[in-house]
mmCIF file of all heavy atoms, coordinates in Angstrom:
data_MODEL
# 
_entry.id   MODEL 
# 
loop_
_atom_site.group_PDB 
_atom_site.id 
_atom_site.type_symbol 
_atom_site.label_atom_id 
_atom_site.label_alt_id 
_atom_site.label_comp_id 
_atom_site.label_asym_id 
_atom_site.label_entity_id 
_atom_site.label_seq_id 
_atom_site.pdbx_PDB_ins_code 
_atom_site.Cartn_x 
_atom_site.Cartn_y 
_atom_site.Cartn_z 
_atom_site.occupancy 
_atom_site.B_iso_or_equiv 
_atom_site.pdbx_formal_charge 
_atom_site.auth_seq_id 
_atom_site.auth_comp_id 
_atom_site.auth_asym_id 
_atom_site.auth_atom_id 
_atom_site.pdbx_PDB_model_num 
ATOM 1   N N   . PRO A 1 1  ? 17.511 20.097 -2.881 1.00 0.00 ? 1  PRO A N   1 
ATOM 2   C CA  . PRO A 1 1  ? 17.021 21.143 -3.768 1.00 0.00 ? 1  PRO A CA  1 
ATOM 3   C C   . PRO A 1 1  ? 15.497 21.246 -3.834 1.00 0.00 ? 1  PRO A C   1 
ATOM 4   O O   . PRO A 1 1  ? 14.954 22.309 -4.123 1.00 0.00 ? 1  PRO A O   1 
ATOM 5   C CB  . PRO A 1 1  ? 17.601 20.778 -5.129 1.00 0.00 ? 1  PRO A CB  1 
ATOM 6   C CG  . PRO A 1 1  ? 17.839 19.298 -5.060 1.00 0.00 ? 1  PRO A CG  1 
ATOM 7   C CD  . PRO A 1 1  ? 18.169 19.021 -3.613 1.00 0.00 ? 1  PRO A CD  1 
ATOM 8   N N   . ASP A 1 2  ? 14.818 20.130 -3.574 1.00 0.00 ? 2  ASP A N   1 
ATOM 9   C CA  . ASP A 1 2  ? 13.362 20.138 -3.659 1.00 0.00 ? 2  ASP A CA  1 
ATOM 10  C C   . ASP A 1 2  ? 12.782 18.949 -2.897 1.00 0.00 ? 2  ASP A C   1 
ATOM 11  O O   . ASP A 1 2  ? 13.502 18.043 -2.482 1.00 0.00 ? 2  ASP A O   1 
ATOM 12  C CB  . ASP A 1 2  ? 12.894 20.129 -5.122 1.00 0.00 ? 2  ASP A CB  1 
ATOM 13  C CG  . ASP A 1 2  ? 13.480 18.966 -5.907 1.00 0.00 ? 2  ASP A CG  1 
ATOM 14  O OD1 . ASP A 1 2  ? 13.324 17.806 -5.479 1.00 0.00 ? 2  ASP A OD1 1 
ATOM 15  O OD2 . ASP A 1 2  ? 14.133 19.218 -6.946 1.00 0.00 ? 2  ASP A OD2 1 
ATOM 16  N N   . ARG A 1 3  ? 11.488 18.966 -2.724 1.00 0.00 ? 3  ARG A N   1 
ATOM 17  C CA  . ARG A 1 3  ? 10.777 17.938 -1.956 1.00 0.00 ? 3  ARG A CA  1 
ATOM 18  C C   . ARG A 1 3  ? 10.897 16.555 -2.603 1.00 0.00 ? 3  ARG A C   1 
ATOM 19  O O   . ARG A 1 3  ? 11.091 15.549 -1.915 1.00 0.00 ? 3  ARG A O   1 
ATOM 20  C CB  . ARG A 1 3  ? 9.308  18.344 -1.820 1.00 0.00 ? 3  ARG A CB  1 
ATOM 21  C CG  . ARG A 1 3  ? 8.483  17.425 -0.942 1.00 0.00 ? 3  ARG A CG  1 
ATOM 22  C CD  . ARG A 1 3  ? 7.046  17.914 -0.832 1.00 0.00 ? 3  ARG A CD  1 
ATOM 23  N NE  . ARG A 1 3  ? 6.970  19.285 -0.380 1.00 0.00 ? 3  ARG A NE  1 
ATOM 24  C CZ  . ARG A 1 3  ? 6.975  19.673 0.898  1.00 0.00 ? 3  ARG A CZ  1 
ATOM 25  N NH1 . ARG A 1 3  ? 7.047  18.774 1.839  1.00 0.00 ? 3  ARG A NH1 1 
ATOM 26  N NH2 . ARG A 1 3  ? 6.901  20.936 1.215  1.00 0.00 ? 3  ARG A NH2 1 
ATOM 27  N N   . GLU A 1 4  ? 10.810 16.496 -3.920 1.00 0.00 ? 4  GLU A N   1 
ATOM 28  C CA  . GLU A 1 4  ? 10.869 15.199 -4.599 1.00 0.00 ? 4  GLU A CA  1 
ATOM 29  C C   . GLU A 1 4  ? 12.226 14.530 -4.406 1.00 0.00 ? 4  GLU A C   1 
ATOM 30  O O   . GLU A 1 4  ? 12.301 13.331 -4.146 1.00 0.00 ? 4  GLU A O   1 
ATOM 31  C CB  . GLU A 1 4  ? 10.568 15.350 -6.091 1.00 0.00 ? 4  GLU A CB  1 
ATOM 32  C CG  . GLU A 1 4  ? 10.552 14.030 -6.841 1.00 0.00 ? 4  GLU A CG  1 
ATOM 33  C CD  . GLU A 1 4  ? 9.558  13.009 -6.307 1.00 0.00 ? 4  GLU A CD  1 
ATOM 34  O OE1 . GLU A 1 4  ? 8.462  13.396 -5.854 1.00 0.00 ? 4  GLU A OE1 1 
ATOM 35  O OE2 . GLU A 1 4  ? 9.878  11.805 -6.342 1.00 0.00 ? 4  GLU A OE2 1 
ATOM 36  N N   . THR A 1 5  ? 13.304 15.286 -4.510 1.00 0.00 ? 5  THR A N   1 
ATOM 37  C CA  . THR A 1 5  ? 14.641 14.736 -4.294 1.00 0.00 ? 5  THR A CA  1 
ATOM 38  C C   . THR A 1 5  ? 14.792 14.231 -2.864 1.00 0.00 ? 5  THR A C   1 
ATOM 39  O O   . THR A 1 5  ? 15.342 13.149 -2.623 1.00 0.00 ? 5  THR A O   1 
ATOM 40  C CB  . THR A 1 5  ? 15.721 15.791 -4.603 1.00 0.00 ? 5  THR A CB  1 
ATOM 41  O OG1 . THR A 1 5  ? 15.543 16.264 -5.934 1.00 0.00 ? 5  THR A OG1 1 
ATOM 42  C CG2 . THR A 1 5  ? 17.120 15.225 -4.462 1.00 0.00 ? 5  THR A CG2 1 
ATOM 43  N N   . LEU A 1 6  ? 14.287 14.988 -1.911 1.00 0.00 ? 6  LEU A N   1 
ATOM 44  C CA  . LEU A 1 6  ? 14.336 14.577 -0.509 1.00 0.00 ? 6  LEU A CA  1 
ATOM 45  C C   . LEU A 1 6  ? 13.551 13.289 -0.295 1.00 0.00 ? 6  LEU A C   1 
ATOM 46  O O   . LEU A 1 6  ? 14.043 12.345 0.314  1.00 0.00 ? 6  LEU A O   1 
ATOM 47  C CB  . LEU A 1 6  ? 13.787 15.678 0.404  1.00 0.00 ? 6  LEU A CB  1 
ATOM 48  C CG  . LEU A 1 6  ? 13.585 15.279 1.869  1.00 0.00 ? 6  LEU A CG  1 
ATOM 49  C CD1 . LEU A 1 6  ? 14.890 14.850 2.525  1.00 0.00 ? 6  LEU A CD1 1 
ATOM 50  C CD2 . LEU A 1 6  ? 12.929 16.414 2.632  1.00 0.00 ? 6  LEU A CD2 1 
ATOM 51  N N   . HIS A 1 7  ? 12.334 13.229 -0.808 1.00 0.00 ? 7  HIS A N   1 
ATOM 52  C CA  . HIS A 1 7  ? 11.503 12.051 -0.564 1.00 0.00 ? 7  HIS A CA  1 
ATOM 53  C C   . HIS A 1 7  ? 12.051 10.816 -1.276 1.00 0.00 ? 7  HIS A C   1 
ATOM 54  O O   . HIS A 1 7  ? 11.943 9.699  -0.747 1.00 0.00 ? 7  HIS A O   1 
ATOM 55  C CB  . HIS A 1 7  ? 10.044 12.342 -0.922 1.00 0.00 ? 7  HIS A CB  1 
ATOM 56  C CG  . HIS A 1 7  ? 9.374  13.151 0.149  1.00 0.00 ? 7  HIS A CG  1 
ATOM 57  N ND1 . HIS A 1 7  ? 8.662  12.587 1.170  1.00 0.00 ? 7  HIS A ND1 1 
ATOM 58  C CD2 . HIS A 1 7  ? 9.359  14.482 0.383  1.00 0.00 ? 7  HIS A CD2 1 
ATOM 59  C CE1 . HIS A 1 7  ? 8.222  13.542 1.993  1.00 0.00 ? 7  HIS A CE1 1 
ATOM 60  N NE2 . HIS A 1 7  ? 8.631  14.696 1.529  1.00 0.00 ? 7  HIS A NE2 1 
ATOM 61  N N   . THR A 1 8  ? 12.679 10.990 -2.436 1.00 0.00 ? 8  THR A N   1 
ATOM 62  C CA  . THR A 1 8  ? 13.342 9.869  -3.100 1.00 0.00 ? 8  THR A CA  1 
ATOM 63  C C   . THR A 1 8  ? 14.475 9.354  -2.227 1.00 0.00 ? 8  THR A C   1 
ATOM 64  O O   . THR A 1 8  ? 14.633 8.145  -2.022 1.00 0.00 ? 8  THR A O   1 
ATOM 65  C CB  . THR A 1 8  ? 13.868 10.291 -4.482 1.00 0.00 ? 8  THR A CB  1 
ATOM 66  O OG1 . THR A 1 8  ? 12.756 10.667 -5.299 1.00 0.00 ? 8  THR A OG1 1 
ATOM 67  C CG2 . THR A 1 8  ? 14.644 9.165  -5.153 1.00 0.00 ? 8  THR A CG2 1 
ATOM 68  N N   . TYR A 1 9  ? 15.268 10.269 -1.688 1.00 0.00 ? 9  TYR A N   1 
ATOM 69  C CA  . TYR A 1 9  ? 16.366 9.894  -0.795 1.00 0.00 ? 9  TYR A CA  1 
ATOM 70  C C   . TYR A 1 9  ? 15.831 9.165  0.442  1.00 0.00 ? 9  TYR A C   1 
ATOM 71  O O   . TYR A 1 9  ? 16.371 8.123  0.838  1.00 0.00 ? 9  TYR A O   1 
ATOM 72  C CB  . TYR A 1 9  ? 17.150 11.141 -0.386 1.00 0.00 ? 9  TYR A CB  1 
ATOM 73  C CG  . TYR A 1 9  ? 18.114 10.900 0.736  1.00 0.00 ? 9  TYR A CG  1 
ATOM 74  C CD1 . TYR A 1 9  ? 19.334 10.266 0.504  1.00 0.00 ? 9  TYR A CD1 1 
ATOM 75  C CD2 . TYR A 1 9  ? 17.819 11.295 2.040  1.00 0.00 ? 9  TYR A CD2 1 
ATOM 76  C CE1 . TYR A 1 9  ? 20.234 10.030 1.540  1.00 0.00 ? 9  TYR A CE1 1 
ATOM 77  C CE2 . TYR A 1 9  ? 18.708 11.073 3.071  1.00 0.00 ? 9  TYR A CE2 1 
ATOM 78  C CZ  . TYR A 1 9  ? 19.908 10.436 2.822  1.00 0.00 ? 9  TYR A CZ  1 
ATOM 79  O OH  . TYR A 1 9  ? 20.787 10.206 3.850  1.00 0.00 ? 9  TYR A OH  1 
ATOM 80  N N   . LEU A 1 10 ? 14.773 9.685  1.060  1.00 0.00 ? 10 LEU A N   1 
ATOM 81  C CA  . LEU A 1 10 ? 14.220 9.054  2.258  1.00 0.00 ? 10 LEU A CA  1 
ATOM 82  C C   . LEU A 1 10 ? 13.685 7.652  1.954  1.00 0.00 ? 10 LEU A C   1 
ATOM 83  O O   . LEU A 1 10 ? 13.892 6.721  2.739  1.00 0.00 ? 10 LEU A O   1 
ATOM 84  C CB  . LEU A 1 10 ? 13.126 9.931  2.867  1.00 0.00 ? 10 LEU A CB  1 
ATOM 85  C CG  . LEU A 1 10 ? 13.599 11.237 3.497  1.00 0.00 ? 10 LEU A CG  1 
ATOM 86  C CD1 . LEU A 1 10 ? 12.396 12.072 3.919  1.00 0.00 ? 10 LEU A CD1 1 
ATOM 87  C CD2 . LEU A 1 10 ? 14.544 10.990 4.664  1.00 0.00 ? 10 LEU A CD2 1 
ATOM 88  N N   . ARG A 1 11 ? 13.007 7.490  0.825  1.00 0.00 ? 11 ARG A N   1 
ATOM 89  C CA  . ARG A 1 11 ? 12.509 6.154  0.439  1.00 0.00 ? 11 ARG A CA  1 
ATOM 90  C C   . ARG A 1 11 ? 13.680 5.195  0.220  1.00 0.00 ? 11 ARG A C   1 
ATOM 91  O O   . ARG A 1 11 ? 13.641 4.041  0.646  1.00 0.00 ? 11 ARG A O   1 
ATOM 92  C CB  . ARG A 1 11 ? 11.647 6.235  -0.818 1.00 0.00 ? 11 ARG A CB  1 
ATOM 93  C CG  . ARG A 1 11 ? 10.241 6.762  -0.575 1.00 0.00 ? 11 ARG A CG  1 
ATOM 94  C CD  . ARG A 1 11 ? 9.346  6.576  -1.799 1.00 0.00 ? 11 ARG A CD  1 
ATOM 95  N NE  . ARG A 1 11 ? 9.867  7.254  -2.980 1.00 0.00 ? 11 ARG A NE  1 
ATOM 96  C CZ  . ARG A 1 11 ? 9.606  8.522  -3.312 1.00 0.00 ? 11 ARG A CZ  1 
ATOM 97  N NH1 . ARG A 1 11 ? 8.821  9.250  -2.556 1.00 0.00 ? 11 ARG A NH1 1 
ATOM 98  N NH2 . ARG A 1 11 ? 10.110 9.037  -4.407 1.00 0.00 ? 11 ARG A NH2 1 
ATOM 99  N N   . ASP A 1 12 ? 14.732 5.694  -0.463 1.00 0.00 ? 12 ASP A N   1 
ATOM 100 C CA  . ASP A 1 12 ? 15.897 4.851  -0.711 1.00 0.00 ? 12 ASP A CA  1 
ATOM 101 C C   . ASP A 1 12 ? 16.607 4.493  0.594  1.00 0.00 ? 12 ASP A C   1 
ATOM 102 O O   . ASP A 1 12 ? 17.077 3.360  0.760  1.00 0.00 ? 12 ASP A O   1 
ATOM 103 C CB  . ASP A 1 12 ? 16.868 5.548  -1.660 1.00 0.00 ? 12 ASP A CB  1 
ATOM 104 C CG  . ASP A 1 12 ? 16.336 5.664  -3.080 1.00 0.00 ? 12 ASP A CG  1 
ATOM 105 O OD1 . ASP A 1 12 ? 15.323 5.002  -3.410 1.00 0.00 ? 12 ASP A OD1 1 
ATOM 106 O OD2 . ASP A 1 12 ? 16.929 6.433  -3.863 1.00 0.00 ? 12 ASP A OD2 1 
ATOM 107 N N   . MET A 1 13 ? 16.704 5.434  1.516  1.00 0.00 ? 13 MET A N   1 
ATOM 108 C CA  . MET A 1 13 ? 17.334 5.157  2.805  1.00 0.00 ? 13 MET A CA  1 
ATOM 109 C C   . MET A 1 13 ? 16.497 4.157  3.599  1.00 0.00 ? 13 MET A C   1 
ATOM 110 O O   . MET A 1 13 ? 17.038 3.238  4.238  1.00 0.00 ? 13 MET A O   1 
ATOM 111 C CB  . MET A 1 13 ? 17.529 6.449  3.606  1.00 0.00 ? 13 MET A CB  1 
ATOM 112 C CG  . MET A 1 13 ? 18.241 6.240  4.933  1.00 0.00 ? 13 MET A CG  1 
ATOM 113 S SD  . MET A 1 13 ? 19.887 5.511  4.796  1.00 0.00 ? 13 MET A SD  1 
ATOM 114 C CE  . MET A 1 13 ? 20.820 6.959  4.324  1.00 0.00 ? 13 MET A CE  1 
ATOM 115 N N   . TYR A 1 14 ? 15.192 4.305  3.562  1.00 0.00 ? 14 TYR A N   1 
ATOM 116 C CA  . TYR A 1 14 ? 14.294 3.360  4.227  1.00 0.00 ? 14 TYR A CA  1 
ATOM 117 C C   . TYR A 1 14 ? 14.523 1.953  3.671  1.00 0.00 ? 14 TYR A C   1 
ATOM 118 O O   . TYR A 1 14 ? 14.647 0.987  4.431  1.00 0.00 ? 14 TYR A O   1 
ATOM 119 C CB  . TYR A 1 14 ? 12.844 3.802  4.026  1.00 0.00 ? 14 TYR A CB  1 
ATOM 120 C CG  . TYR A 1 14 ? 11.834 2.932  4.718  1.00 0.00 ? 14 TYR A CG  1 
ATOM 121 C CD1 . TYR A 1 14 ? 11.409 3.226  6.008  1.00 0.00 ? 14 TYR A CD1 1 
ATOM 122 C CD2 . TYR A 1 14 ? 11.286 1.824  4.090  1.00 0.00 ? 14 TYR A CD2 1 
ATOM 123 C CE1 . TYR A 1 14 ? 10.479 2.427  6.653  1.00 0.00 ? 14 TYR A CE1 1 
ATOM 124 C CE2 . TYR A 1 14 ? 10.359 1.022  4.722  1.00 0.00 ? 14 TYR A CE2 1 
ATOM 125 C CZ  . TYR A 1 14 ? 9.959  1.321  6.005  1.00 0.00 ? 14 TYR A CZ  1 
ATOM 126 O OH  . TYR A 1 14 ? 9.034  0.526  6.637  1.00 0.00 ? 14 TYR A OH  1 
ATOM 127 N N   . ASP A 1 15 ? 14.604 1.862  2.342  1.00 0.00 ? 15 ASP A N   1 
ATOM 128 C CA  . ASP A 1 15 ? 14.845 0.552  1.723  1.00 0.00 ? 15 ASP A CA  1 
ATOM 129 C C   . ASP A 1 15 ? 16.199 -0.016 2.124  1.00 0.00 ? 15 ASP A C   1 
ATOM 130 O O   . ASP A 1 15 ? 16.332 -1.216 2.330  1.00 0.00 ? 15 ASP A O   1 
ATOM 131 C CB  . ASP A 1 15 ? 14.743 0.650  0.203  1.00 0.00 ? 15 ASP A CB  1 
ATOM 132 C CG  . ASP A 1 15 ? 13.313 0.794  -0.272 1.00 0.00 ? 15 ASP A CG  1 
ATOM 133 O OD1 . ASP A 1 15 ? 12.380 0.463  0.491  1.00 0.00 ? 15 ASP A OD1 1 
ATOM 134 O OD2 . ASP A 1 15 ? 13.126 1.232  -1.423 1.00 0.00 ? 15 ASP A OD2 1 
ATOM 135 N N   . TYR A 1 16 ? 17.184 0.841  2.252  1.00 0.00 ? 16 TYR A N   1 
ATOM 136 C CA  . TYR A 1 16 ? 18.508 0.382  2.668  1.00 0.00 ? 16 TYR A CA  1 
ATOM 137 C C   . TYR A 1 16 ? 18.476 -0.131 4.109  1.00 0.00 ? 16 TYR A C   1 
ATOM 138 O O   . TYR A 1 16 ? 19.034 -1.193 4.413  1.00 0.00 ? 16 TYR A O   1 
ATOM 139 C CB  . TYR A 1 16 ? 19.520 1.524  2.530  1.00 0.00 ? 16 TYR A CB  1 
ATOM 140 C CG  . TYR A 1 16 ? 20.878 1.200  3.082  1.00 0.00 ? 16 TYR A CG  1 
ATOM 141 C CD1 . TYR A 1 16 ? 21.729 0.320  2.418  1.00 0.00 ? 16 TYR A CD1 1 
ATOM 142 C CD2 . TYR A 1 16 ? 21.311 1.760  4.282  1.00 0.00 ? 16 TYR A CD2 1 
ATOM 143 C CE1 . TYR A 1 16 ? 22.979 0.012  2.933  1.00 0.00 ? 16 TYR A CE1 1 
ATOM 144 C CE2 . TYR A 1 16 ? 22.559 1.459  4.797  1.00 0.00 ? 16 TYR A CE2 1 
ATOM 145 C CZ  . TYR A 1 16 ? 23.390 0.582  4.120  1.00 0.00 ? 16 TYR A CZ  1 
ATOM 146 O OH  . TYR A 1 16 ? 24.623 0.282  4.637  1.00 0.00 ? 16 TYR A OH  1 
ATOM 147 N N   . LEU A 1 17 ? 17.817 0.595  4.978  1.00 0.00 ? 17 LEU A N   1 
ATOM 148 C CA  . LEU A 1 17 ? 17.796 0.223  6.394  1.00 0.00 ? 17 LEU A CA  1 
ATOM 149 C C   . LEU A 1 17 ? 16.880 -0.955 6.699  1.00 0.00 ? 17 LEU A C   1 
ATOM 150 O O   . LEU A 1 17 ? 17.189 -1.778 7.571  1.00 0.00 ? 17 LEU A O   1 
ATOM 151 C CB  . LEU A 1 17 ? 17.377 1.425  7.245  1.00 0.00 ? 17 LEU A CB  1 
ATOM 152 C CG  . LEU A 1 17 ? 18.350 2.587  7.287  1.00 0.00 ? 17 LEU A CG  1 
ATOM 153 C CD1 . LEU A 1 17 ? 17.719 3.771  8.012  1.00 0.00 ? 17 LEU A CD1 1 
ATOM 154 C CD2 . LEU A 1 17 ? 19.658 2.177  7.950  1.00 0.00 ? 17 LEU A CD2 1 
ATOM 155 N N   . PHE A 1 18 ? 15.750 -1.026 6.003  1.00 0.00 ? 18 PHE A N   1 
ATOM 156 C CA  . PHE A 1 18 ? 14.729 -1.988 6.411  1.00 0.00 ? 18 PHE A CA  1 
ATOM 157 C C   . PHE A 1 18 ? 14.347 -3.026 5.362  1.00 0.00 ? 18 PHE A C   1 
ATOM 158 O O   . PHE A 1 18 ? 13.660 -3.983 5.679  1.00 0.00 ? 18 PHE A O   1 
ATOM 159 C CB  . PHE A 1 18 ? 13.464 -1.238 6.854  1.00 0.00 ? 18 PHE A CB  1 
ATOM 160 C CG  . PHE A 1 18 ? 13.738 -0.250 7.951  1.00 0.00 ? 18 PHE A CG  1 
ATOM 161 C CD1 . PHE A 1 18 ? 13.663 1.110  7.705  1.00 0.00 ? 18 PHE A CD1 1 
ATOM 162 C CD2 . PHE A 1 18 ? 14.100 -0.667 9.217  1.00 0.00 ? 18 PHE A CD2 1 
ATOM 163 C CE1 . PHE A 1 18 ? 13.926 2.040  8.697  1.00 0.00 ? 18 PHE A CE1 1 
ATOM 164 C CE2 . PHE A 1 18 ? 14.372 0.251  10.225 1.00 0.00 ? 18 PHE A CE2 1 
ATOM 165 C CZ  . PHE A 1 18 ? 14.284 1.604  9.967  1.00 0.00 ? 18 PHE A CZ  1 
ATOM 166 N N   . ASN A 1 19 ? 14.769 -2.825 4.119  1.00 0.00 ? 19 ASN A N   1 
ATOM 167 C CA  . ASN A 1 19 ? 14.351 -3.744 3.054  1.00 0.00 ? 19 ASN A CA  1 
ATOM 168 C C   . ASN A 1 19 ? 15.526 -4.340 2.287  1.00 0.00 ? 19 ASN A C   1 
ATOM 169 O O   . ASN A 1 19 ? 15.379 -4.753 1.142  1.00 0.00 ? 19 ASN A O   1 
ATOM 170 C CB  . ASN A 1 19 ? 13.411 -3.039 2.074  1.00 0.00 ? 19 ASN A CB  1 
ATOM 171 C CG  . ASN A 1 19 ? 12.094 -2.679 2.718  1.00 0.00 ? 19 ASN A CG  1 
ATOM 172 O OD1 . ASN A 1 19 ? 11.600 -3.390 3.587  1.00 0.00 ? 19 ASN A OD1 1 
ATOM 173 N ND2 . ASN A 1 19 ? 11.524 -1.570 2.302  1.00 0.00 ? 19 ASN A ND2 1 
ATOM 174 N N   . ASP A 1 20 ? 16.702 -4.335 2.894  1.00 0.00 ? 20 ASP A N   1 
ATOM 175 C CA  . ASP A 1 20 ? 17.874 -4.990 2.321  1.00 0.00 ? 20 ASP A CA  1 
ATOM 176 C C   . ASP A 1 20 ? 18.328 -4.436 0.973  1.00 0.00 ? 20 ASP A C   1 
ATOM 177 O O   . ASP A 1 20 ? 18.863 -5.176 0.149  1.00 0.00 ? 20 ASP A O   1 
ATOM 178 C CB  . ASP A 1 20 ? 17.647 -6.503 2.197  1.00 0.00 ? 20 ASP A CB  1 
ATOM 179 C CG  . ASP A 1 20 ? 17.424 -7.174 3.541  1.00 0.00 ? 20 ASP A CG  1 
ATOM 180 O OD1 . ASP A 1 20 ? 18.058 -6.739 4.523  1.00 0.00 ? 20 ASP A OD1 1 
ATOM 181 O OD2 . ASP A 1 20 ? 16.623 -8.119 3.610  1.00 0.00 ? 20 ASP A OD2 1 
ATOM 182 N N   . ALA A 1 21 ? 18.125 -3.143 0.725  1.00 0.00 ? 21 ALA A N   1 
ATOM 183 C CA  . ALA A 1 21 ? 18.702 -2.533 -0.473 1.00 0.00 ? 21 ALA A CA  1 
ATOM 184 C C   . ALA A 1 21 ? 20.223 -2.656 -0.373 1.00 0.00 ? 21 ALA A C   1 
ATOM 185 O O   . ALA A 1 21 ? 20.795 -2.566 0.708  1.00 0.00 ? 21 ALA A O   1 
ATOM 186 C CB  . ALA A 1 21 ? 18.283 -1.075 -0.610 1.00 0.00 ? 21 ALA A CB  1 
ATOM 187 N N   . SER A 1 22 ? 20.875 -2.832 -1.500 1.00 0.00 ? 22 SER A N   1 
ATOM 188 C CA  . SER A 1 22 ? 22.294 -3.169 -1.484 1.00 0.00 ? 22 SER A CA  1 
ATOM 189 C C   . SER A 1 22 ? 23.228 -1.998 -1.188 1.00 0.00 ? 22 SER A C   1 
ATOM 190 O O   . SER A 1 22 ? 24.314 -2.197 -0.656 1.00 0.00 ? 22 SER A O   1 
ATOM 191 C CB  . SER A 1 22 ? 22.693 -3.802 -2.815 1.00 0.00 ? 22 SER A CB  1 
ATOM 192 O OG  . SER A 1 22 ? 22.449 -2.890 -3.881 1.00 0.00 ? 22 SER A OG  1 
ATOM 193 N N   . GLU A 1 23 ? 22.837 -0.772 -1.538 1.00 0.00 ? 23 GLU A N   1 
ATOM 194 C CA  . GLU A 1 23 ? 23.717 0.373  -1.337 1.00 0.00 ? 23 GLU A CA  1 
ATOM 195 C C   . GLU A 1 23 ? 23.036 1.469  -0.535 1.00 0.00 ? 23 GLU A C   1 
ATOM 196 O O   . GLU A 1 23 ? 21.864 1.760  -0.746 1.00 0.00 ? 23 GLU A O   1 
ATOM 197 C CB  . GLU A 1 23 ? 24.133 0.959  -2.681 1.00 0.00 ? 23 GLU A CB  1 
ATOM 198 C CG  . GLU A 1 23 ? 25.070 0.075  -3.468 1.00 0.00 ? 23 GLU A CG  1 
ATOM 199 C CD  . GLU A 1 23 ? 25.573 0.764  -4.720 1.00 0.00 ? 23 GLU A CD  1 
ATOM 200 O OE1 . GLU A 1 23 ? 25.803 1.989  -4.684 1.00 0.00 ? 23 GLU A OE1 1 
ATOM 201 O OE2 . GLU A 1 23 ? 25.729 0.068  -5.725 1.00 0.00 ? 23 GLU A OE2 1 
ATOM 202 N N   . GLN A 1 24 ? 23.820 2.087  0.351  1.00 0.00 ? 24 GLN A N   1 
ATOM 203 C CA  . GLN A 1 24 ? 23.296 3.224  1.104  1.00 0.00 ? 24 GLN A CA  1 
ATOM 204 C C   . GLN A 1 24 ? 23.224 4.423  0.179  1.00 0.00 ? 24 GLN A C   1 
ATOM 205 O O   . GLN A 1 24 ? 24.201 4.766  -0.483 1.00 0.00 ? 24 GLN A O   1 
ATOM 206 C CB  . GLN A 1 24 ? 24.204 3.537  2.285  1.00 0.00 ? 24 GLN A CB  1 
ATOM 207 C CG  . GLN A 1 24 ? 23.720 4.709  3.102  1.00 0.00 ? 24 GLN A CG  1 
ATOM 208 C CD  . GLN A 1 24 ? 24.592 4.982  4.314  1.00 0.00 ? 24 GLN A CD  1 
ATOM 209 O OE1 . GLN A 1 24 ? 25.447 4.169  4.662  1.00 0.00 ? 24 GLN A OE1 1 
ATOM 210 N NE2 . GLN A 1 24 ? 24.376 6.102  4.952  1.00 0.00 ? 24 GLN A NE2 1 
ATOM 211 N N   . PRO A 1 25 ? 22.071 5.080  0.113  1.00 0.00 ? 25 PRO A N   1 
ATOM 212 C CA  . PRO A 1 25 ? 21.968 6.275  -0.736 1.00 0.00 ? 25 PRO A CA  1 
ATOM 213 C C   . PRO A 1 25 ? 22.737 7.437  -0.136 1.00 0.00 ? 25 PRO A C   1 
ATOM 214 O O   . PRO A 1 25 ? 22.933 7.520  1.085  1.00 0.00 ? 25 PRO A O   1 
ATOM 215 C CB  . PRO A 1 25 ? 20.466 6.555  -0.758 1.00 0.00 ? 25 PRO A CB  1 
ATOM 216 C CG  . PRO A 1 25 ? 19.966 5.997  0.517  1.00 0.00 ? 25 PRO A CG  1 
ATOM 217 C CD  . PRO A 1 25 ? 20.828 4.801  0.816  1.00 0.00 ? 25 PRO A CD  1 
ATOM 218 N N   . MET A 1 26 ? 23.173 8.322  -0.988 1.00 0.00 ? 26 MET A N   1 
ATOM 219 C CA  . MET A 1 26 ? 23.888 9.514  -0.552 1.00 0.00 ? 26 MET A CA  1 
ATOM 220 C C   . MET A 1 26 ? 23.062 10.745 -0.915 1.00 0.00 ? 26 MET A C   1 
ATOM 221 O O   . MET A 1 26 ? 22.466 10.804 -1.996 1.00 0.00 ? 26 MET A O   1 
ATOM 222 C CB  . MET A 1 26 ? 25.254 9.588  -1.236 1.00 0.00 ? 26 MET A CB  1 
ATOM 223 C CG  . MET A 1 26 ? 26.171 8.426  -0.883 1.00 0.00 ? 26 MET A CG  1 
ATOM 224 S SD  . MET A 1 26 ? 26.495 8.232  0.882  1.00 0.00 ? 26 MET A SD  1 
ATOM 225 C CE  . MET A 1 26 ? 27.486 9.653  1.202  1.00 0.00 ? 26 MET A CE  1 
ATOM 226 N N   . PRO A 1 27 ? 23.016 11.715 -0.025 1.00 0.00 ? 27 PRO A N   1 
ATOM 227 C CA  . PRO A 1 27 ? 22.299 12.946 -0.346 1.00 0.00 ? 27 PRO A CA  1 
ATOM 228 C C   . PRO A 1 27 ? 23.042 13.715 -1.436 1.00 0.00 ? 27 PRO A C   1 
ATOM 229 O O   . PRO A 1 27 ? 24.221 13.457 -1.689 1.00 0.00 ? 27 PRO A O   1 
ATOM 230 C CB  . PRO A 1 27 ? 22.301 13.734 0.966  1.00 0.00 ? 27 PRO A CB  1 
ATOM 231 C CG  . PRO A 1 27 ? 23.272 13.076 1.853  1.00 0.00 ? 27 PRO A CG  1 
ATOM 232 C CD  . PRO A 1 27 ? 23.576 11.724 1.322  1.00 0.00 ? 27 PRO A CD  1 
ATOM 233 N N   . PRO A 1 28 ? 22.376 14.644 -2.105 1.00 0.00 ? 28 PRO A N   1 
ATOM 234 C CA  . PRO A 1 28 ? 23.014 15.411 -3.172 1.00 0.00 ? 28 PRO A CA  1 
ATOM 235 C C   . PRO A 1 28 ? 24.290 16.095 -2.676 1.00 0.00 ? 28 PRO A C   1 
ATOM 236 O O   . PRO A 1 28 ? 24.351 16.583 -1.555 1.00 0.00 ? 28 PRO A O   1 
ATOM 237 C CB  . PRO A 1 28 ? 21.967 16.457 -3.552 1.00 0.00 ? 28 PRO A CB  1 
ATOM 238 C CG  . PRO A 1 28 ? 20.685 15.934 -3.044 1.00 0.00 ? 28 PRO A CG  1 
ATOM 239 C CD  . PRO A 1 28 ? 21.013 15.067 -1.866 1.00 0.00 ? 28 PRO A CD  1 
# 
């Protein structure tokens, strides 16, 4: 819906892939 939602998702996905975040984020 907007740039902020996208960038939050991308940061969360980055953390999942590279920083051992526990859950894979899902897009809206």
